[in-house]
Amino acid sequence: MPGALIDAARDALLLALALSLPIVAVAALVGFVVAAIQAATRIEDSTVSYLPRLLAVVAALAVLGPWMGREIGAFAERMFVMAAAAPR
């Protein structure tokens, strides 16, 4: 039983990483592009980078949301099955 809990915890951490990585990557990529444009045009306003990054993250969440929901649902189903099959 402790081995199953360790495996479940590892799977949960890997799932959290897999689900957050695309969103963080989109935010980082958009931030890098906006920073390059700001450097090229010499715009020094730090608030300019927030709106494109926010819009990109919202768009990524809208596109990836169904996949993320399916992955979380599948993980929850596996955990419920594991809990139901556990000896008492």
PDB file of N, CA and C in Angstrom:
ATOM      1  N   MET A   1       0.805  -1.205   0.000  1.00  0.00           N
ATOM      2  CA  MET A   1       0.000   0.000   0.000  1.00  0.00           C
ATOM      3  C   MET A   1       0.850   1.273   0.000  1.00  0.00           C
ATOM      4  N   PRO A   2       1.926   1.357   0.806  1.00  0.00           N
ATOM      5  CA  PRO A   2       2.748   2.579   0.739  1.00  0.00           C
ATOM      6  C   PRO A   2       3.369   2.786  -0.640  1.00  0.00           C
ATOM      7  N   GLY A   3       3.705   1.681  -1.311  1.00  0.00           N
ATOM      8  CA  GLY A   3       4.257   1.807  -2.658  1.00  0.00           C
ATOM      9  C   GLY A   3       3.255   2.387  -3.633  1.00  0.00           C
ATOM     10  N   ALA A   4       1.996   1.995  -3.483  1.00  0.00           N
ATOM     11  CA  ALA A   4       0.944   2.535  -4.351  1.00  0.00           C
ATOM     12  C   ALA A   4       0.738   4.020  -4.087  1.00  0.00           C
ATOM     13  N   LEU A   5       0.830   4.426  -2.826  1.00  0.00           N
ATOM     14  CA  LEU A   5       0.682   5.851  -2.504  1.00  0.00           C
ATOM     15  C   LEU A   5       1.830   6.674  -3.076  1.00  0.00           C
ATOM     16  N   ILE A   6       3.018   6.123  -3.014  1.00  0.00           N
ATOM     17  CA  ILE A   6       4.182   6.822  -3.581  1.00  0.00           C
ATOM     18  C   ILE A   6       4.033   6.943  -5.089  1.00  0.00           C
ATOM     19  N   ASP A   7       3.570   5.861  -5.733  1.00  0.00           N
ATOM     20  CA  ASP A   7       3.347   5.914  -7.182  1.00  0.00           C
ATOM     21  C   ASP A   7       2.265   6.938  -7.538  1.00  0.00           C
ATOM     22  N   ALA A   8       1.203   6.984  -6.747  1.00  0.00           N
ATOM     23  CA  ALA A   8       0.124   7.943  -6.998  1.00  0.00           C
ATOM     24  C   ALA A   8       0.616   9.377  -6.819  1.00  0.00           C
ATOM     25  N   ALA A   9       1.414   9.609  -5.803  1.00  0.00           N
ATOM     26  CA  ALA A   9       1.959  10.952  -5.577  1.00  0.00           C
ATOM     27  C   ALA A   9       2.885  11.353  -6.721  1.00  0.00           C
ATOM     28  N   ARG A  10       3.711  10.411  -7.169  1.00  0.00           N
ATOM     29  CA  ARG A  10       4.596  10.696  -8.313  1.00  0.00           C
ATOM     30  C   ARG A  10       3.782  11.003  -9.561  1.00  0.00           C
ATOM     31  N   ASP A  11       2.731  10.205  -9.808  1.00  0.00           N
ATOM     32  CA  ASP A  11       1.877  10.439 -10.969  1.00  0.00           C
ATOM     33  C   ASP A  11       1.189  11.793 -10.883  1.00  0.00           C
ATOM     34  N   ALA A  12       0.768  12.187  -9.680  1.00  0.00           N
ATOM     35  CA  ALA A  12       0.119  13.488  -9.499  1.00  0.00           C
ATOM     36  C   ALA A  12       1.087  14.629  -9.797  1.00  0.00           C
ATOM     37  N   LEU A  13       2.311  14.504  -9.334  1.00  0.00           N
ATOM     38  CA  LEU A  13       3.308  15.553  -9.607  1.00  0.00           C
ATOM     39  C   LEU A  13       3.647  15.626 -11.093  1.00  0.00           C
ATOM     40  N   LEU A  14       3.782  14.480 -11.736  1.00  0.00           N
ATOM     41  CA  LEU A  14       4.063  14.477 -13.170  1.00  0.00           C
ATOM     42  C   LEU A  14       2.889  15.039 -13.965  1.00  0.00           C
ATOM     43  N   LEU A  15       1.671  14.748 -13.524  1.00  0.00           N
ATOM     44  CA  LEU A  15       0.498  15.307 -14.188  1.00  0.00           C
ATOM     45  C   LEU A  15       0.467  16.824 -14.038  1.00  0.00           C
ATOM     46  N   ALA A  16       0.752  17.310 -12.843  1.00  0.00           N
ATOM     47  CA  ALA A  16       0.783  18.759 -12.622  1.00  0.00           C
ATOM     48  C   ALA A  16       1.840  19.419 -13.510  1.00  0.00           C
ATOM     49  N   LEU A  17       2.977  18.778 -13.643  1.00  0.00           N
ATOM     50  CA  LEU A  17       4.031  19.310 -14.513  1.00  0.00           C
ATOM     51  C   LEU A  17       3.600  19.294 -15.969  1.00  0.00           C
ATOM     52  N   ALA A  18       3.013  18.180 -16.405  1.00  0.00           N
ATOM     53  CA  ALA A  18       2.595  18.051 -17.803  1.00  0.00           C
ATOM     54  C   ALA A  18       1.493  19.035 -18.154  1.00  0.00           C
ATOM     55  N   LEU A  19       0.616  19.328 -17.220  1.00  0.00           N
ATOM     56  CA  LEU A  19      -0.479  20.249 -17.498  1.00  0.00           C
ATOM     57  C   LEU A  19      -0.048  21.710 -17.435  1.00  0.00           C
ATOM     58  N   SER A  20       0.898  22.022 -16.594  1.00  0.00           N
ATOM     59  CA  SER A  20       1.313  23.418 -16.463  1.00  0.00           C
ATOM     60  C   SER A  20       2.396  23.817 -17.459  1.00  0.00           C
ATOM     61  N   LEU A  21       3.167  22.871 -17.920  1.00  0.00           N
ATOM     62  CA  LEU A  21       4.293  23.197 -18.801  1.00  0.00           C
ATOM     63  C   LEU A  21       3.876  23.897 -20.101  1.00  0.00           C
ATOM     64  N   PRO A  22       2.842  23.443 -20.816  1.00  0.00           N
ATOM     65  CA  PRO A  22       2.483  24.167 -22.046  1.00  0.00           C
ATOM     66  C   PRO A  22       2.063  25.614 -21.800  1.00  0.00           C
ATOM     67  N   ILE A  23       1.353  25.858 -20.714  1.00  0.00           N
ATOM     68  CA  ILE A  23       0.898  27.221 -20.419  1.00  0.00           C
ATOM     69  C   ILE A  23       2.084  28.110 -20.055  1.00  0.00           C
ATOM     70  N   VAL A  24       2.980  27.589 -19.252  1.00  0.00           N
ATOM     71  CA  VAL A  24       4.176  28.351 -18.876  1.00  0.00           C
ATOM     72  C   VAL A  24       5.056  28.597 -20.095  1.00  0.00           C
ATOM     73  N   ALA A  25       5.149  27.607 -20.980  1.00  0.00           N
ATOM     74  CA  ALA A  25       5.961  27.771 -22.194  1.00  0.00           C
ATOM     75  C   ALA A  25       5.380  28.854 -23.097  1.00  0.00           C
ATOM     76  N   VAL A  26       4.063  28.884 -23.240  1.00  0.00           N
ATOM     77  CA  VAL A  26       3.425  29.931 -24.051  1.00  0.00           C
ATOM     78  C   VAL A  26       3.698  31.301 -23.445  1.00  0.00           C
ATOM     79  N   ALA A  27       3.544  31.423 -22.140  1.00  0.00           N
ATOM     80  CA  ALA A  27       3.792  32.707 -21.485  1.00  0.00           C
ATOM     81  C   ALA A  27       5.247  33.137 -21.646  1.00  0.00           C
ATOM     82  N   ALA A  28       6.162  32.197 -21.514  1.00  0.00           N
ATOM     83  CA  ALA A  28       7.579  32.532 -21.658  1.00  0.00           C
ATOM     84  C   ALA A  28       7.913  32.931 -23.093  1.00  0.00           C
ATOM     85  N   LEU A  29       7.370  32.201 -24.058  1.00  0.00           N
ATOM     86  CA  LEU A  29       7.650  32.508 -25.460  1.00  0.00           C
ATOM     87  C   LEU A  29       7.096  33.873 -25.846  1.00  0.00           C
ATOM     88  N   VAL A  30       5.875  34.157 -25.440  1.00  0.00           N
ATOM     89  CA  VAL A  30       5.287  35.464 -25.750  1.00  0.00           C
ATOM     90  C   VAL A  30       6.050  36.568 -25.028  1.00  0.00           C
ATOM     91  N   GLY A  31       6.438  36.325 -23.794  1.00  0.00           N
ATOM     92  CA  GLY A  31       7.237  37.311 -23.073  1.00  0.00           C
ATOM     93  C   GLY A  31       8.560  37.592 -23.754  1.00  0.00           C
ATOM     94  N   PHE A  32       9.188  36.527 -24.266  1.00  0.00           N
ATOM     95  CA  PHE A  32      10.462  36.700 -24.978  1.00  0.00           C
ATOM     96  C   PHE A  32      10.273  37.507 -26.265  1.00  0.00           C
ATOM     97  N   VAL A  33       9.225  37.202 -27.012  1.00  0.00           N
ATOM     98  CA  VAL A  33       8.969  37.923 -28.270  1.00  0.00           C
ATOM     99  C   VAL A  33       8.663  39.392 -27.985  1.00  0.00           C
ATOM    100  N   VAL A  34       7.835  39.648 -26.988  1.00  0.00           N
ATOM    101  CA  VAL A  34       7.503  41.036 -26.649  1.00  0.00           C
ATOM    102  C   VAL A  34       8.738  41.780 -26.158  1.00  0.00           C
ATOM    103  N   ALA A  35       9.573  41.112 -25.386  1.00  0.00           N
ATOM    104  CA  ALA A  35      10.809  41.755 -24.907  1.00  0.00           C
ATOM    105  C   ALA A  35      11.734  42.078 -26.079  1.00  0.00           C
ATOM    106  N   ALA A  36      11.809  41.180 -27.050  1.00  0.00           N
ATOM    107  CA  ALA A  36      12.644  41.448 -28.228  1.00  0.00           C
ATOM    108  C   ALA A  36      12.103  42.627 -29.028  1.00  0.00           C
ATOM    109  N   ILE A  37      10.781  42.692 -29.166  1.00  0.00           N
ATOM    110  CA  ILE A  37      10.172  43.823 -29.883  1.00  0.00           C
ATOM    111  C   ILE A  37      10.394  45.120 -29.114  1.00  0.00           C
ATOM    112  N   GLN A  38      10.255  45.046 -27.787  1.00  0.00           N
ATOM    113  CA  GLN A  38      10.496  46.250 -26.991  1.00  0.00           C
ATOM    114  C   GLN A  38      11.949  46.703 -27.096  1.00  0.00           C
ATOM    115  N   ALA A  39      12.867  45.766 -27.124  1.00  0.00           N
ATOM    116  CA  ALA A  39      14.281  46.133 -27.250  1.00  0.00           C
ATOM    117  C   ALA A  39      14.572  46.726 -28.623  1.00  0.00           C
ATOM    118  N   ALA A  40      13.932  46.184 -29.650  1.00  0.00           N
ATOM    119  CA  ALA A  40      14.166  46.686 -31.003  1.00  0.00           C
ATOM    120  C   ALA A  40      13.562  48.069 -31.202  1.00  0.00           C
ATOM    121  N   THR A  41      12.435  48.329 -30.563  1.00  0.00           N
ATOM    122  CA  THR A  41      11.775  49.627 -30.749  1.00  0.00           C
ATOM    123  C   THR A  41      12.092  50.610 -29.627  1.00  0.00           C
ATOM    124  N   ARG A  42      12.844  50.162 -28.640  1.00  0.00           N
ATOM    125  CA  ARG A  42      13.237  50.979 -27.497  1.00  0.00           C
ATOM    126  C   ARG A  42      12.042  51.488 -26.689  1.00  0.00           C
ATOM    127  N   ILE A  43      11.010  50.675 -26.612  1.00  0.00           N
ATOM    128  CA  ILE A  43       9.872  50.981 -25.744  1.00  0.00           C
ATOM    129  C   ILE A  43      10.234  50.464 -24.361  1.00  0.00           C
ATOM    130  N   GLU A  44      10.228  51.341 -23.373  1.00  0.00           N
ATOM    131  CA  GLU A  44      10.674  50.951 -22.041  1.00  0.00           C
ATOM    132  C   GLU A  44       9.540  50.805 -21.045  1.00  0.00           C
ATOM    133  N   ASP A  45       8.311  50.786 -21.515  1.00  0.00           N
ATOM    134  CA  ASP A  45       7.168  50.645 -20.615  1.00  0.00           C
ATOM    135  C   ASP A  45       7.018  49.169 -20.243  1.00  0.00           C
ATOM    136  N   SER A  46       7.109  48.873 -18.951  1.00  0.00           N
ATOM    137  CA  SER A  46       7.074  47.474 -18.513  1.00  0.00           C
ATOM    138  C   SER A  46       5.674  46.884 -18.568  1.00  0.00           C
ATOM    139  N   THR A  47       4.645  47.728 -18.619  1.00  0.00           N
ATOM    140  CA  THR A  47       3.278  47.204 -18.638  1.00  0.00           C
ATOM    141  C   THR A  47       2.850  46.717 -20.018  1.00  0.00           C
ATOM    142  N   VAL A  48       3.614  47.030 -21.045  1.00  0.00           N
ATOM    143  CA  VAL A  48       3.253  46.638 -22.409  1.00  0.00           C
ATOM    144  C   VAL A  48       3.276  45.122 -22.565  1.00  0.00           C
ATOM    145  N   SER A  49       4.102  44.434 -21.846  1.00  0.00           N
ATOM    146  CA  SER A  49       4.241  42.991 -22.039  1.00  0.00           C
ATOM    147  C   SER A  49       3.128  42.189 -21.379  1.00  0.00           C
ATOM    148  N   TYR A  50       2.359  42.782 -20.488  1.00  0.00           N
ATOM    149  CA  TYR A  50       1.354  42.014 -19.749  1.00  0.00           C
ATOM    150  C   TYR A  50       0.155  41.608 -20.597  1.00  0.00           C
ATOM    151  N   LEU A  51      -0.364  42.502 -21.396  1.00  0.00           N
ATOM    152  CA  LEU A  51      -1.561  42.190 -22.171  1.00  0.00           C
ATOM    153  C   LEU A  51      -1.325  41.083 -23.196  1.00  0.00           C
ATOM    154  N   PRO A  52      -0.275  41.134 -24.017  1.00  0.00           N
ATOM    155  CA  PRO A  52      -0.067  40.020 -24.961  1.00  0.00           C
ATOM    156  C   PRO A  52       0.143  38.685 -24.244  1.00  0.00           C
ATOM    157  N   ARG A  53       0.856  38.713 -23.139  1.00  0.00           N
ATOM    158  CA  ARG A  53       1.077  37.477 -22.389  1.00  0.00           C
ATOM    159  C   ARG A  53      -0.229  36.950 -21.812  1.00  0.00           C
ATOM    160  N   LEU A  54      -1.050  37.841 -21.271  1.00  0.00           N
ATOM    161  CA  LEU A  54      -2.341  37.434 -20.725  1.00  0.00           C
ATOM    162  C   LEU A  54      -3.236  36.853 -21.814  1.00  0.00           C
ATOM    163  N   LEU A  55      -3.305  37.514 -22.956  1.00  0.00           N
ATOM    164  CA  LEU A  55      -4.128  37.010 -24.054  1.00  0.00           C
ATOM    165  C   LEU A  55      -3.625  35.668 -24.570  1.00  0.00           C
ATOM    166  N   ALA A  56      -2.316  35.496 -24.636  1.00  0.00           N
ATOM    167  CA  ALA A  56      -1.759  34.225 -25.095  1.00  0.00           C
ATOM    168  C   ALA A  56      -2.053  33.105 -24.113  1.00  0.00           C
ATOM    169  N   VAL A  57      -1.963  33.385 -22.831  1.00  0.00           N
ATOM    170  CA  VAL A  57      -2.249  32.359 -21.819  1.00  0.00           C
ATOM    171  C   VAL A  57      -3.733  31.995 -21.839  1.00  0.00           C
ATOM    172  N   VAL A  58      -4.610  32.986 -21.981  1.00  0.00           N
ATOM    173  CA  VAL A  58      -6.049  32.703 -22.058  1.00  0.00           C
ATOM    174  C   VAL A  58      -6.353  31.870 -23.296  1.00  0.00           C
ATOM    175  N   ALA A  59      -5.741  32.203 -24.429  1.00  0.00           N
ATOM    176  CA  ALA A  59      -5.948  31.422 -25.655  1.00  0.00           C
ATOM    177  C   ALA A  59      -5.421  29.997 -25.497  1.00  0.00           C
ATOM    178  N   ALA A  60      -4.264  29.852 -24.870  1.00  0.00           N
ATOM    179  CA  ALA A  60      -3.704  28.510 -24.651  1.00  0.00           C
ATOM    180  C   ALA A  60      -4.596  27.701 -23.725  1.00  0.00           C
ATOM    181  N   LEU A  61      -5.131  28.340 -22.701  1.00  0.00           N
ATOM    182  CA  LEU A  61      -6.055  27.635 -21.805  1.00  0.00           C
ATOM    183  C   LEU A  61      -7.333  27.244 -22.529  1.00  0.00           C
ATOM    184  N   ALA A  62      -7.822  28.098 -23.416  1.00  0.00           N
ATOM    185  CA  ALA A  62      -9.029  27.769 -24.171  1.00  0.00           C
ATOM    186  C   ALA A  62      -8.779  26.589 -25.110  1.00  0.00           C
ATOM    187  N   VAL A  63      -7.611  26.548 -25.710  1.00  0.00           N
ATOM    188  CA  VAL A  63      -7.288  25.458 -26.636  1.00  0.00           C
ATOM    189  C   VAL A  63      -6.968  24.173 -25.886  1.00  0.00           C
ATOM    190  N   LEU A  64      -6.182  24.275 -24.830  1.00  0.00           N
ATOM    191  CA  LEU A  64      -5.716  23.084 -24.113  1.00  0.00           C
ATOM    192  C   LEU A  64      -6.636  22.665 -22.969  1.00  0.00           C
ATOM    193  N   GLY A  65      -7.631  23.477 -22.650  1.00  0.00           N
ATOM    194  CA  GLY A  65      -8.521  23.188 -21.536  1.00  0.00           C
ATOM    195  C   GLY A  65      -9.208  21.828 -21.600  1.00  0.00           C
ATOM    196  N   PRO A  66      -9.789  21.462 -22.744  1.00  0.00           N
ATOM    197  CA  PRO A  66     -10.432  20.144 -22.815  1.00  0.00           C
ATOM    198  C   PRO A  66      -9.459  18.987 -22.571  1.00  0.00           C
ATOM    199  N   TRP A  67      -8.272  19.087 -23.125  1.00  0.00           N
ATOM    200  CA  TRP A  67      -7.268  18.043 -22.901  1.00  0.00           C
ATOM    201  C   TRP A  67      -6.878  17.993 -21.426  1.00  0.00           C
ATOM    202  N   MET A  68      -6.700  19.153 -20.821  1.00  0.00           N
ATOM    203  CA  MET A  68      -6.332  19.200 -19.406  1.00  0.00           C
ATOM    204  C   MET A  68      -7.430  18.590 -18.547  1.00  0.00           C
ATOM    205  N   GLY A  69      -8.680  18.902 -18.860  1.00  0.00           N
ATOM    206  CA  GLY A  69      -9.794  18.348 -18.114  1.00  0.00           C
ATOM    207  C   GLY A  69      -9.879  16.832 -18.239  1.00  0.00           C
ATOM    208  N   ARG A  70      -9.649  16.312 -19.459  1.00  0.00           N
ATOM    209  CA  ARG A  70      -9.658  14.859 -19.647  1.00  0.00           C
ATOM    210  C   ARG A  70      -8.556  14.187 -18.858  1.00  0.00           C
ATOM    211  N   GLU A  71      -7.382  14.791 -18.839  1.00  0.00           N
ATOM    212  CA  GLU A  71      -6.259  14.206 -18.100  1.00  0.00           C
ATOM    213  C   GLU A  71      -6.532  14.191 -16.592  1.00  0.00           C
ATOM    214  N   ILE A  72      -7.077  15.274 -16.083  1.00  0.00           N
ATOM    215  CA  ILE A  72      -7.400  15.330 -14.654  1.00  0.00           C
ATOM    216  C   ILE A  72      -8.510  14.333 -14.319  1.00  0.00           C
ATOM    217  N   GLY A  73      -9.507  14.245 -15.182  1.00  0.00           N
ATOM    218  CA  GLY A  73     -10.586  13.288 -14.969  1.00  0.00           C
ATOM    219  C   GLY A  73     -10.092  11.847 -14.990  1.00  0.00           C
ATOM    220  N   ALA A  74      -9.202  11.533 -15.931  1.00  0.00           N
ATOM    221  CA  ALA A  74      -8.661  10.177 -16.007  1.00  0.00           C
ATOM    222  C   ALA A  74      -7.830   9.860 -14.766  1.00  0.00           C
ATOM    223  N   PHE A  75      -7.070  10.836 -14.300  1.00  0.00           N
ATOM    224  CA  PHE A  75      -6.276  10.621 -13.089  1.00  0.00           C
ATOM    225  C   PHE A  75      -7.183  10.416 -11.880  1.00  0.00           C
ATOM    226  N   ALA A  76      -8.235  11.227 -11.766  1.00  0.00           N
ATOM    227  CA  ALA A  76      -9.164  11.083 -10.646  1.00  0.00           C
ATOM    228  C   ALA A  76      -9.852   9.721 -10.691  1.00  0.00           C
ATOM    229  N   GLU A  77     -10.214   9.281 -11.889  1.00  0.00           N
ATOM    230  CA  GLU A  77     -10.848   7.963 -12.020  1.00  0.00           C
ATOM    231  C   GLU A  77      -9.898   6.857 -11.574  1.00  0.00           C
ATOM    232  N   ARG A  78      -8.625   6.956 -11.975  1.00  0.00           N
ATOM    233  CA  ARG A  78      -7.635   5.958 -11.534  1.00  0.00           C
ATOM    234  C   ARG A  78      -7.485   5.960 -10.022  1.00  0.00           C
ATOM    235  N   MET A  79      -7.504   7.136  -9.409  1.00  0.00           N
ATOM    236  CA  MET A  79      -7.357   7.207  -7.957  1.00  0.00           C
ATOM    237  C   MET A  79      -8.579   6.618  -7.244  1.00  0.00           C
ATOM    238  N   PHE A  80      -9.781   6.875  -7.774  1.00  0.00           N
ATOM    239  CA  PHE A  80     -10.982   6.302  -7.169  1.00  0.00           C
ATOM    240  C   PHE A  80     -11.006   4.782  -7.297  1.00  0.00           C
ATOM    241  N   VAL A  81     -10.569   4.280  -8.450  1.00  0.00           N
ATOM    242  CA  VAL A  81     -10.507   2.834  -8.636  1.00  0.00           C
ATOM    243  C   VAL A  81      -9.482   2.231  -7.680  1.00  0.00           C
ATOM    244  N   MET A  82      -8.350   2.899  -7.543  1.00  0.00           N
ATOM    245  CA  MET A  82      -7.318   2.411  -6.629  1.00  0.00           C
ATOM    246  C   MET A  82      -7.820   2.434  -5.182  1.00  0.00           C
ATOM    247  N   ALA A  83      -8.549   3.471  -4.805  1.00  0.00           N
ATOM    248  CA  ALA A  83      -9.073   3.570  -3.440  1.00  0.00           C
ATOM    249  C   ALA A  83     -10.140   2.507  -3.196  1.00  0.00           C
ATOM    250  N   ALA A  84     -10.946   2.227  -4.215  1.00  0.00           N
ATOM    251  CA  ALA A  84     -11.988   1.217  -4.042  1.00  0.00           C
ATOM    252  C   ALA A  84     -11.409  -0.187  -3.950  1.00  0.00           C
ATOM    253  N   ALA A  85     -10.292  -0.410  -4.616  1.00  0.00           N
ATOM    254  CA  ALA A  85      -9.677  -1.751  -4.622  1.00  0.00           C
ATOM    255  C   ALA A  85      -8.746  -1.964  -3.434  1.00  0.00           C
ATOM    256  N   ALA A  86      -8.504  -0.919  -2.657  1.00  0.00           N
ATOM    257  CA  ALA A  86      -7.569  -1.045  -1.533  1.00  0.00           C
ATOM    258  C   ALA A  86      -8.166  -1.932  -0.446  1.00  0.00           C
ATOM    259  N   PRO A  87      -7.325  -2.779   0.142  1.00  0.00           N
ATOM    260  CA  PRO A  87      -7.825  -3.623   1.246  1.00  0.00           C
ATOM    261  C   PRO A  87      -8.153  -2.764   2.461  1.00  0.00           C
ATOM    262  N   ARG A  88      -9.136  -3.218   3.217  1.00  0.00           N
ATOM    263  CA  ARG A  88      -9.550  -2.431   4.392  1.00  0.00           C
ATOM    264  C   ARG A  88      -9.225  -3.128   5.652  1.00  0.00           C
TER     265      ARG A  88
END
